[in-house]
Structure formats: structure tokens, C-alpha cells
Amino acid sequence: MLEVDYTTDVRPGKLVLYEAWGFPELWVIVPPGATRRRPAGVTIHRLVNGRFQSVRTSGAFPGWTAKEIHAALTEPVSSAATYRVLERVGRALGEREGTGPDDDPLWHVLGKRKLAEGVAQGRAEGRAAELVATVRSLLRARGKQVSDAFTQRAPALVR
């Protein structure tokens, strides 16, 4: 459960309700600039014996800290650091659940698409190299000198 605490403090009223409803984990986020009386950040509450306890890391997403969650949810554009954290948490979640990228249908399709794109690019580069080698061979057969610079620049010209 995620509660955005933008203008009011959820602790006096809603927290007790979330406990009663049995949510196993609650994240309360105070966005940057939301209030002067409470600093921006995320508080993770985990249900233990029917009561919420504030904890530093998520149980639902293994190893994901409150600070990392806040960054991921409030960055205007996800940073490289956030992507690394999400990869780490995803791997931990996969290990816990016994799953991996191959179990994700979308990842599987995207992986096949990327592989096909790579194969097509490799073939195009191979054809370009063959064409450059053929042109170089023909020019040499006609007594024309071919510089190394030509060989280096030519593939870009035929793509």
C-alpha cells in the first residue's frame, strides 16, 4: 500500500485503519516541498503481530530502502543509480520467488526483438564490409591506390 502524505499526517488516523485492514506493508511518502513540519522521504511500515513497525527496508521488495524508494518515486527522470537499484531489487525478488527474466513474457519478447535487431545490424555491417572489400579489390586491380582511411570510412557510406 502506498499513501502519499502531501498535506496531512496519516499517522493519527489512517495508519490504524491500514493495520486493521491487514495490509502487510505500507509506504508513506512525503513528496519534496509537500510540508514544512515533516521532511520529504518515505517511511516503510511493516505489519508485525497485527501492528505496524517502522523499518528501513521493504519486505515486499527485498533490500529496497526507504531512501531508494523515495528517489525512484520522486525523480523527474530516473537516474542511472535508480536503475541499478531496481536491477538489484529485481534480482533479489527473482531469487526469492524462483523466477528470472526468462519467466517474464514481455522481457522474453523484447529480448527476441533485440536479438533480431542485433542480427540484422550484424548482417548489414557484414554486407557493408564485403562491399568495401570488393570495391577496394576492383580499384587495386585497376592500379588505383586505396588508403586505409578509405577502408575505415567506406562502411559508413554504404549503410
N, C-alpha and C. Protein backbone atom coordinates (compact mmCIF):
# COMPACT_ATOMS: atom_id res chain seq x y z
N MET A 1 0.85 -1.17 0.00
CA MET A 1 0.00 0.00 0.00
C MET A 1 0.89 1.23 0.00
N LEU A 2 0.53 2.23 -0.77
CA LEU A 2 1.28 3.48 -0.85
C LEU A 2 0.33 4.62 -0.49
N GLU A 3 0.72 5.41 0.48
CA GLU A 3 -0.05 6.59 0.88
C GLU A 3 0.82 7.81 0.64
N VAL A 4 0.33 8.75 -0.14
CA VAL A 4 1.05 10.00 -0.37
C VAL A 4 0.56 11.00 0.64
N ASP A 5 1.46 11.42 1.50
CA ASP A 5 1.15 12.32 2.60
C ASP A 5 1.55 13.73 2.16
N TYR A 6 0.70 14.35 1.36
CA TYR A 6 1.05 15.64 0.79
C TYR A 6 0.66 16.80 1.71
N THR A 7 -0.52 16.73 2.30
CA THR A 7 -0.98 17.86 3.11
C THR A 7 -1.31 17.49 4.55
N THR A 8 -1.62 16.23 4.81
CA THR A 8 -1.99 15.84 6.17
C THR A 8 -1.15 14.68 6.64
N ASP A 9 -1.02 14.54 7.92
CA ASP A 9 -0.25 13.47 8.53
C ASP A 9 -1.15 12.24 8.66
N VAL A 10 -0.79 11.13 8.02
CA VAL A 10 -1.63 9.93 8.05
C VAL A 10 -1.51 9.16 9.36
N ARG A 11 -0.49 9.47 10.14
CA ARG A 11 -0.23 8.67 11.34
C ARG A 11 -1.37 8.66 12.35
N PRO A 12 -2.03 9.78 12.65
CA PRO A 12 -3.06 9.72 13.70
C PRO A 12 -4.31 8.92 13.34
N GLY A 13 -4.70 8.89 12.07
CA GLY A 13 -5.96 8.24 11.74
C GLY A 13 -5.86 7.05 10.81
N LYS A 14 -5.27 7.25 9.67
CA LYS A 14 -5.27 6.21 8.64
C LYS A 14 -4.36 5.02 8.98
N LEU A 15 -3.28 5.27 9.67
CA LEU A 15 -2.35 4.20 9.97
C LEU A 15 -3.04 3.06 10.73
N VAL A 16 -3.90 3.42 11.67
CA VAL A 16 -4.63 2.43 12.46
C VAL A 16 -5.60 1.64 11.56
N LEU A 17 -6.22 2.34 10.62
CA LEU A 17 -7.12 1.66 9.69
C LEU A 17 -6.35 0.66 8.82
N TYR A 18 -5.21 1.08 8.29
CA TYR A 18 -4.41 0.18 7.46
C TYR A 18 -3.97 -1.05 8.25
N GLU A 19 -3.65 -0.86 9.53
CA GLU A 19 -3.32 -2.00 10.40
C GLU A 19 -4.52 -2.94 10.51
N ALA A 20 -5.69 -2.37 10.79
CA ALA A 20 -6.91 -3.17 10.97
C ALA A 20 -7.27 -3.93 9.70
N TRP A 21 -7.02 -3.33 8.56
CA TRP A 21 -7.33 -3.99 7.30
C TRP A 21 -6.29 -5.06 6.94
N GLY A 22 -5.19 -5.07 7.67
CA GLY A 22 -4.19 -6.12 7.50
C GLY A 22 -3.22 -5.96 6.35
N PHE A 23 -3.01 -4.72 5.89
CA PHE A 23 -2.01 -4.51 4.83
C PHE A 23 -0.65 -4.94 5.37
N PRO A 24 0.04 -5.84 4.69
CA PRO A 24 1.32 -6.32 5.21
C PRO A 24 2.42 -5.26 5.21
N GLU A 25 2.31 -4.29 4.30
CA GLU A 25 3.34 -3.25 4.23
C GLU A 25 2.70 -1.97 3.72
N LEU A 26 3.11 -0.86 4.31
CA LEU A 26 2.60 0.45 3.93
C LEU A 26 3.78 1.38 3.74
N TRP A 27 3.78 2.08 2.62
CA TRP A 27 4.79 3.11 2.38
C TRP A 27 4.07 4.45 2.48
N VAL A 28 4.57 5.32 3.32
CA VAL A 28 4.05 6.68 3.41
C VAL A 28 5.11 7.60 2.83
N ILE A 29 4.74 8.26 1.74
CA ILE A 29 5.69 9.15 1.07
C ILE A 29 5.29 10.59 1.31
N VAL A 30 6.27 11.39 1.72
CA VAL A 30 6.10 12.83 1.82
C VAL A 30 6.93 13.40 0.67
N PRO A 31 6.26 13.92 -0.37
CA PRO A 31 7.00 14.42 -1.54
C PRO A 31 7.82 15.66 -1.20
N PRO A 32 8.85 15.94 -2.00
CA PRO A 32 9.64 17.16 -1.78
C PRO A 32 8.74 18.39 -1.80
N GLY A 33 8.93 19.26 -0.84
CA GLY A 33 8.18 20.51 -0.78
C GLY A 33 6.74 20.37 -0.34
N ALA A 34 6.33 19.20 0.14
CA ALA A 34 4.93 18.98 0.49
C ALA A 34 4.54 19.67 1.78
N THR A 35 5.42 19.70 2.75
CA THR A 35 5.06 20.25 4.05
C THR A 35 6.31 20.74 4.77
N ARG A 36 6.12 21.70 5.65
CA ARG A 36 7.26 22.22 6.41
C ARG A 36 7.47 21.42 7.70
N ARG A 37 6.42 20.82 8.21
CA ARG A 37 6.54 20.16 9.51
C ARG A 37 7.11 18.75 9.42
N ARG A 38 7.10 18.17 8.21
CA ARG A 38 7.65 16.82 8.02
C ARG A 38 8.58 16.84 6.82
N PRO A 39 9.75 16.29 6.99
CA PRO A 39 10.69 16.28 5.86
C PRO A 39 10.25 15.29 4.77
N ALA A 40 10.67 15.60 3.56
CA ALA A 40 10.39 14.70 2.44
C ALA A 40 11.07 13.36 2.68
N GLY A 41 10.43 12.31 2.24
CA GLY A 41 11.01 10.98 2.39
C GLY A 41 9.93 9.91 2.37
N VAL A 42 10.36 8.68 2.57
CA VAL A 42 9.45 7.54 2.65
C VAL A 42 9.65 6.87 3.99
N THR A 43 8.53 6.52 4.61
CA THR A 43 8.55 5.70 5.82
C THR A 43 7.89 4.38 5.45
N ILE A 44 8.60 3.29 5.75
CA ILE A 44 8.07 1.96 5.48
C ILE A 44 7.53 1.39 6.78
N HIS A 45 6.27 1.00 6.76
CA HIS A 45 5.64 0.37 7.93
C HIS A 45 5.34 -1.08 7.54
N ARG A 46 5.83 -2.01 8.35
CA ARG A 46 5.58 -3.43 8.09
C ARG A 46 4.74 -3.98 9.23
N LEU A 47 3.72 -4.76 8.88
CA LEU A 47 2.81 -5.35 9.86
C LEU A 47 3.50 -6.52 10.57
N VAL A 48 3.65 -6.39 11.88
CA VAL A 48 4.26 -7.44 12.70
C VAL A 48 3.33 -7.68 13.88
N ASN A 49 2.80 -8.90 13.96
CA ASN A 49 1.86 -9.25 15.03
C ASN A 49 0.69 -8.26 15.11
N GLY A 50 0.16 -7.87 13.95
CA GLY A 50 -1.01 -7.01 13.90
C GLY A 50 -0.75 -5.53 14.09
N ARG A 51 0.51 -5.14 14.27
CA ARG A 51 0.86 -3.71 14.47
C ARG A 51 1.93 -3.30 13.48
N PHE A 52 1.86 -2.06 13.03
CA PHE A 52 2.89 -1.56 12.13
C PHE A 52 4.15 -1.21 12.91
N GLN A 53 5.27 -1.59 12.33
CA GLN A 53 6.58 -1.18 12.84
C GLN A 53 7.30 -0.47 11.70
N SER A 54 7.94 0.64 12.03
CA SER A 54 8.74 1.34 11.01
C SER A 54 10.03 0.56 10.79
N VAL A 55 10.34 0.32 9.51
CA VAL A 55 11.53 -0.43 9.14
C VAL A 55 12.29 0.32 8.07
N ARG A 56 13.56 -0.02 7.88
CA ARG A 56 14.40 0.68 6.91
C ARG A 56 14.28 0.13 5.50
N THR A 57 13.94 -1.16 5.37
CA THR A 57 13.86 -1.76 4.04
C THR A 57 12.52 -2.44 3.84
N SER A 58 12.13 -2.55 2.58
CA SER A 58 10.86 -3.17 2.21
C SER A 58 10.96 -4.68 2.35
N GLY A 59 9.88 -5.29 2.79
CA GLY A 59 9.78 -6.74 2.79
C GLY A 59 9.19 -7.23 1.48
N ALA A 60 8.35 -6.40 0.87
CA ALA A 60 7.72 -6.76 -0.40
C ALA A 60 8.74 -6.75 -1.54
N PHE A 61 9.68 -5.82 -1.48
CA PHE A 61 10.73 -5.68 -2.48
C PHE A 61 12.07 -5.78 -1.75
N PRO A 62 12.64 -6.98 -1.67
CA PRO A 62 13.78 -7.25 -0.80
C PRO A 62 14.95 -6.29 -0.98
N GLY A 63 15.35 -5.69 0.14
CA GLY A 63 16.52 -4.83 0.14
C GLY A 63 16.31 -3.42 -0.34
N TRP A 64 15.10 -3.07 -0.77
CA TRP A 64 14.85 -1.72 -1.27
C TRP A 64 14.65 -0.82 -0.07
N THR A 65 15.53 0.17 0.10
CA THR A 65 15.47 1.04 1.26
C THR A 65 14.50 2.19 1.05
N ALA A 66 14.10 2.79 2.17
CA ALA A 66 13.17 3.93 2.11
C ALA A 66 13.76 5.06 1.28
N LYS A 67 15.05 5.32 1.45
CA LYS A 67 15.70 6.40 0.70
C LYS A 67 15.68 6.10 -0.80
N GLU A 68 15.95 4.84 -1.17
CA GLU A 68 15.95 4.46 -2.59
C GLU A 68 14.54 4.52 -3.18
N ILE A 69 13.56 4.12 -2.39
CA ILE A 69 12.16 4.17 -2.86
C ILE A 69 11.77 5.63 -3.11
N HIS A 70 12.13 6.51 -2.19
CA HIS A 70 11.79 7.93 -2.35
C HIS A 70 12.42 8.49 -3.62
N ALA A 71 13.69 8.18 -3.86
CA ALA A 71 14.36 8.66 -5.07
C ALA A 71 13.64 8.14 -6.31
N ALA A 72 13.31 6.85 -6.32
CA ALA A 72 12.67 6.26 -7.50
C ALA A 72 11.31 6.88 -7.78
N LEU A 73 10.57 7.21 -6.72
CA LEU A 73 9.22 7.74 -6.90
C LEU A 73 9.17 9.24 -7.15
N THR A 74 10.25 9.96 -6.85
CA THR A 74 10.19 11.42 -6.97
C THR A 74 11.14 12.01 -8.00
N GLU A 75 12.04 11.22 -8.56
CA GLU A 75 12.94 11.76 -9.59
C GLU A 75 12.13 12.11 -10.83
N PRO A 76 12.35 13.29 -11.40
CA PRO A 76 11.64 13.64 -12.63
C PRO A 76 11.98 12.67 -13.77
N VAL A 77 13.24 12.26 -13.83
CA VAL A 77 13.70 11.27 -14.80
C VAL A 77 14.55 10.28 -14.01
N SER A 78 14.28 9.01 -14.16
CA SER A 78 15.01 8.01 -13.39
C SER A 78 16.50 8.07 -13.71
N SER A 79 17.30 8.11 -12.66
CA SER A 79 18.75 8.19 -12.80
C SER A 79 19.35 6.81 -13.02
N ALA A 80 20.60 6.80 -13.44
CA ALA A 80 21.32 5.54 -13.62
C ALA A 80 21.42 4.81 -12.28
N ALA A 81 21.59 5.57 -11.20
CA ALA A 81 21.67 4.96 -9.86
C ALA A 81 20.36 4.25 -9.52
N THR A 82 19.23 4.87 -9.84
CA THR A 82 17.93 4.26 -9.57
C THR A 82 17.76 2.98 -10.40
N TYR A 83 18.18 3.01 -11.67
CA TYR A 83 18.09 1.80 -12.49
C TYR A 83 18.93 0.67 -11.90
N ARG A 84 20.12 1.00 -11.38
CA ARG A 84 20.96 -0.04 -10.76
C ARG A 84 20.28 -0.62 -9.53
N VAL A 85 19.65 0.25 -8.73
CA VAL A 85 18.93 -0.22 -7.54
C VAL A 85 17.78 -1.13 -7.95
N LEU A 86 17.02 -0.73 -8.96
CA LEU A 86 15.88 -1.53 -9.41
C LEU A 86 16.34 -2.89 -9.96
N GLU A 87 17.46 -2.91 -10.64
CA GLU A 87 18.00 -4.18 -11.12
C GLU A 87 18.38 -5.08 -9.93
N ARG A 88 19.01 -4.49 -8.92
CA ARG A 88 19.40 -5.25 -7.72
C ARG A 88 18.18 -5.82 -7.02
N VAL A 89 17.17 -4.98 -6.84
CA VAL A 89 15.94 -5.41 -6.16
C VAL A 89 15.22 -6.46 -7.01
N GLY A 90 15.19 -6.28 -8.33
CA GLY A 90 14.56 -7.25 -9.21
C GLY A 90 15.24 -8.61 -9.14
N ARG A 91 16.58 -8.61 -9.11
CA ARG A 91 17.30 -9.88 -8.98
C ARG A 91 16.98 -10.55 -7.65
N ALA A 92 16.97 -9.76 -6.57
CA ALA A 92 16.66 -10.33 -5.24
C ALA A 92 15.24 -10.88 -5.21
N LEU A 93 14.31 -10.16 -5.81
CA LEU A 93 12.92 -10.62 -5.86
C LEU A 93 12.82 -11.91 -6.67
N GLY A 94 13.53 -11.97 -7.79
CA GLY A 94 13.54 -13.18 -8.62
C GLY A 94 14.13 -14.37 -7.88
N GLU A 95 15.22 -14.13 -7.14
CA GLU A 95 15.82 -15.21 -6.36
C GLU A 95 14.85 -15.71 -5.30
N ARG A 96 14.16 -14.77 -4.65
CA ARG A 96 13.21 -15.15 -3.60
C ARG A 96 12.03 -15.94 -4.17
N GLU A 97 11.56 -15.52 -5.34
CA GLU A 97 10.38 -16.14 -5.94
C GLU A 97 10.73 -17.31 -6.87
N GLY A 98 12.03 -17.47 -7.15
CA GLY A 98 12.44 -18.54 -8.05
C GLY A 98 12.14 -18.25 -9.51
N THR A 99 12.20 -16.97 -9.87
CA THR A 99 11.92 -16.57 -11.25
C THR A 99 13.08 -15.72 -11.77
N GLY A 100 13.08 -15.53 -13.07
CA GLY A 100 14.10 -14.70 -13.71
C GLY A 100 13.54 -14.06 -14.96
N PRO A 101 14.38 -13.35 -15.71
CA PRO A 101 13.92 -12.67 -16.91
C PRO A 101 13.23 -13.59 -17.92
N ASP A 102 13.68 -14.84 -18.00
CA ASP A 102 13.07 -15.76 -18.96
C ASP A 102 11.63 -16.09 -18.62
N ASP A 103 11.22 -15.85 -17.36
CA ASP A 103 9.85 -16.13 -16.95
C ASP A 103 8.89 -14.98 -17.26
N ASP A 104 9.42 -13.85 -17.69
CA ASP A 104 8.61 -12.67 -17.97
C ASP A 104 8.29 -12.64 -19.46
N PRO A 105 7.00 -12.81 -19.84
CA PRO A 105 6.66 -12.85 -21.27
C PRO A 105 7.08 -11.58 -22.02
N LEU A 106 6.93 -10.42 -21.40
CA LEU A 106 7.29 -9.17 -22.07
C LEU A 106 8.80 -9.12 -22.27
N TRP A 107 9.56 -9.46 -21.24
CA TRP A 107 11.02 -9.46 -21.35
C TRP A 107 11.46 -10.44 -22.43
N HIS A 108 10.79 -11.57 -22.50
CA HIS A 108 11.12 -12.59 -23.50
C HIS A 108 10.92 -12.04 -24.91
N VAL A 109 9.79 -11.37 -25.14
CA VAL A 109 9.51 -10.79 -26.45
C VAL A 109 10.51 -9.68 -26.77
N LEU A 110 10.76 -8.80 -25.79
CA LEU A 110 11.71 -7.71 -26.03
C LEU A 110 13.11 -8.25 -26.27
N GLY A 111 13.49 -9.31 -25.55
CA GLY A 111 14.80 -9.92 -25.75
C GLY A 111 14.93 -10.49 -27.15
N LYS A 112 13.89 -11.16 -27.64
CA LYS A 112 13.91 -11.70 -29.01
C LYS A 112 14.00 -10.57 -30.03
N ARG A 113 13.28 -9.48 -29.76
CA ARG A 113 13.30 -8.35 -30.69
C ARG A 113 14.71 -7.74 -30.74
N LYS A 114 15.33 -7.56 -29.57
CA LYS A 114 16.68 -7.01 -29.52
C LYS A 114 17.67 -7.94 -30.22
N LEU A 115 17.52 -9.24 -30.03
CA LEU A 115 18.39 -10.20 -30.70
C LEU A 115 18.24 -10.09 -32.21
N ALA A 116 16.99 -10.00 -32.68
CA ALA A 116 16.74 -9.88 -34.11
C ALA A 116 17.35 -8.58 -34.66
N GLU A 117 17.23 -7.49 -33.90
CA GLU A 117 17.82 -6.22 -34.33
C GLU A 117 19.34 -6.34 -34.41
N GLY A 118 19.93 -7.02 -33.42
CA GLY A 118 21.38 -7.20 -33.42
C GLY A 118 21.84 -8.05 -34.59
N VAL A 119 21.10 -9.10 -34.88
CA VAL A 119 21.45 -9.97 -36.02
C VAL A 119 21.35 -9.17 -37.32
N ALA A 120 20.28 -8.40 -37.47
CA ALA A 120 20.10 -7.59 -38.69
C ALA A 120 21.23 -6.57 -38.82
N GLN A 121 21.59 -5.93 -37.71
CA GLN A 121 22.68 -4.95 -37.76
C GLN A 121 24.00 -5.63 -38.12
N GLY A 122 24.25 -6.79 -37.54
CA GLY A 122 25.47 -7.54 -37.85
C GLY A 122 25.54 -7.92 -39.31
N ARG A 123 24.41 -8.37 -39.86
CA ARG A 123 24.38 -8.73 -41.29
C ARG A 123 24.63 -7.51 -42.17
N ALA A 124 24.02 -6.38 -41.81
CA ALA A 124 24.22 -5.15 -42.59
C ALA A 124 25.68 -4.72 -42.55
N GLU A 125 26.29 -4.81 -41.37
CA GLU A 125 27.70 -4.45 -41.25
C GLU A 125 28.57 -5.41 -42.06
N GLY A 126 28.21 -6.70 -42.05
CA GLY A 126 28.96 -7.68 -42.83
C GLY A 126 28.85 -7.41 -44.32
N ARG A 127 27.64 -7.08 -44.78
CA ARG A 127 27.44 -6.77 -46.21
C ARG A 127 28.23 -5.51 -46.58
N ALA A 128 28.23 -4.52 -45.70
CA ALA A 128 28.97 -3.28 -45.97
C ALA A 128 30.46 -3.58 -46.08
N ALA A 129 30.97 -4.41 -45.17
CA ALA A 129 32.39 -4.76 -45.21
C ALA A 129 32.73 -5.53 -46.48
N GLU A 130 31.84 -6.43 -46.90
CA GLU A 130 32.08 -7.19 -48.14
C GLU A 130 32.10 -6.25 -49.34
N LEU A 131 31.17 -5.29 -49.36
CA LEU A 131 31.11 -4.35 -50.47
C LEU A 131 32.38 -3.49 -50.53
N VAL A 132 32.84 -3.03 -49.36
CA VAL A 132 34.06 -2.22 -49.31
C VAL A 132 35.25 -3.05 -49.80
N ALA A 133 35.32 -4.31 -49.37
CA ALA A 133 36.43 -5.18 -49.80
C ALA A 133 36.39 -5.40 -51.32
N THR A 134 35.19 -5.56 -51.88
CA THR A 134 35.05 -5.75 -53.32
C THR A 134 35.48 -4.51 -54.08
N VAL A 135 35.03 -3.34 -53.62
CA VAL A 135 35.39 -2.08 -54.27
C VAL A 135 36.90 -1.86 -54.17
N ARG A 136 37.46 -2.13 -53.01
CA ARG A 136 38.90 -1.96 -52.82
C ARG A 136 39.67 -2.89 -53.77
N SER A 137 39.21 -4.12 -53.88
CA SER A 137 39.86 -5.09 -54.76
C SER A 137 39.79 -4.64 -56.22
N LEU A 138 38.62 -4.14 -56.64
CA LEU A 138 38.46 -3.66 -58.03
C LEU A 138 39.36 -2.47 -58.31
N LEU A 139 39.43 -1.54 -57.36
CA LEU A 139 40.29 -0.35 -57.55
C LEU A 139 41.76 -0.76 -57.65
N ARG A 140 42.17 -1.67 -56.80
CA ARG A 140 43.56 -2.14 -56.83
C ARG A 140 43.85 -2.86 -58.15
N ALA A 141 42.87 -3.64 -58.63
CA ALA A 141 43.05 -4.38 -59.89
C ALA A 141 43.23 -3.41 -61.06
N ARG A 142 42.70 -2.22 -60.93
CA ARG A 142 42.82 -1.20 -61.98
C ARG A 142 44.01 -0.28 -61.73
N GLY A 143 44.82 -0.65 -60.73
CA GLY A 143 46.04 0.12 -60.49
C GLY A 143 45.83 1.36 -59.64
N LYS A 144 44.72 1.47 -58.98
CA LYS A 144 44.45 2.64 -58.14
C LYS A 144 44.85 2.33 -56.70
N GLN A 145 45.49 3.29 -56.07
CA GLN A 145 45.85 3.12 -54.67
C GLN A 145 44.62 3.37 -53.79
N VAL A 146 44.49 2.57 -52.75
CA VAL A 146 43.38 2.71 -51.81
C VAL A 146 43.97 2.91 -50.43
N SER A 147 43.65 4.02 -49.82
CA SER A 147 44.21 4.31 -48.50
C SER A 147 43.46 3.57 -47.40
N ASP A 148 44.11 3.47 -46.26
CA ASP A 148 43.46 2.87 -45.08
C ASP A 148 42.27 3.74 -44.63
N ALA A 149 42.38 5.04 -44.83
CA ALA A 149 41.29 5.95 -44.46
C ALA A 149 40.02 5.60 -45.24
N PHE A 150 40.20 5.26 -46.53
CA PHE A 150 39.04 4.85 -47.35
C PHE A 150 38.38 3.62 -46.73
N THR A 151 39.19 2.64 -46.39
CA THR A 151 38.66 1.39 -45.82
C THR A 151 37.93 1.66 -44.52
N GLN A 152 38.43 2.61 -43.74
CA GLN A 152 37.79 2.91 -42.45
C GLN A 152 36.49 3.71 -42.62
N ARG A 153 36.46 4.62 -43.60
CA ARG A 153 35.28 5.48 -43.80
C ARG A 153 34.20 4.86 -44.67
N ALA A 154 34.57 4.00 -45.57
CA ALA A 154 33.64 3.46 -46.58
C ALA A 154 32.43 2.73 -45.98
N PRO A 155 32.59 1.90 -44.93
CA PRO A 155 31.38 1.21 -44.42
C PRO A 155 30.27 2.17 -44.02
N ALA A 156 30.61 3.31 -43.50
CA ALA A 156 29.59 4.29 -43.10
C ALA A 156 28.87 4.86 -44.32
N LEU A 157 29.54 4.90 -45.44
CA LEU A 157 28.95 5.44 -46.65
C LEU A 157 27.93 4.50 -47.29
N VAL A 158 28.11 3.19 -47.10
CA VAL A 158 27.21 2.23 -47.76
C VAL A 158 26.05 1.81 -46.88
N ARG A 159 25.96 2.26 -45.67
CA ARG A 159 24.85 1.86 -44.80
C ARG A 159 23.63 2.62 -45.10
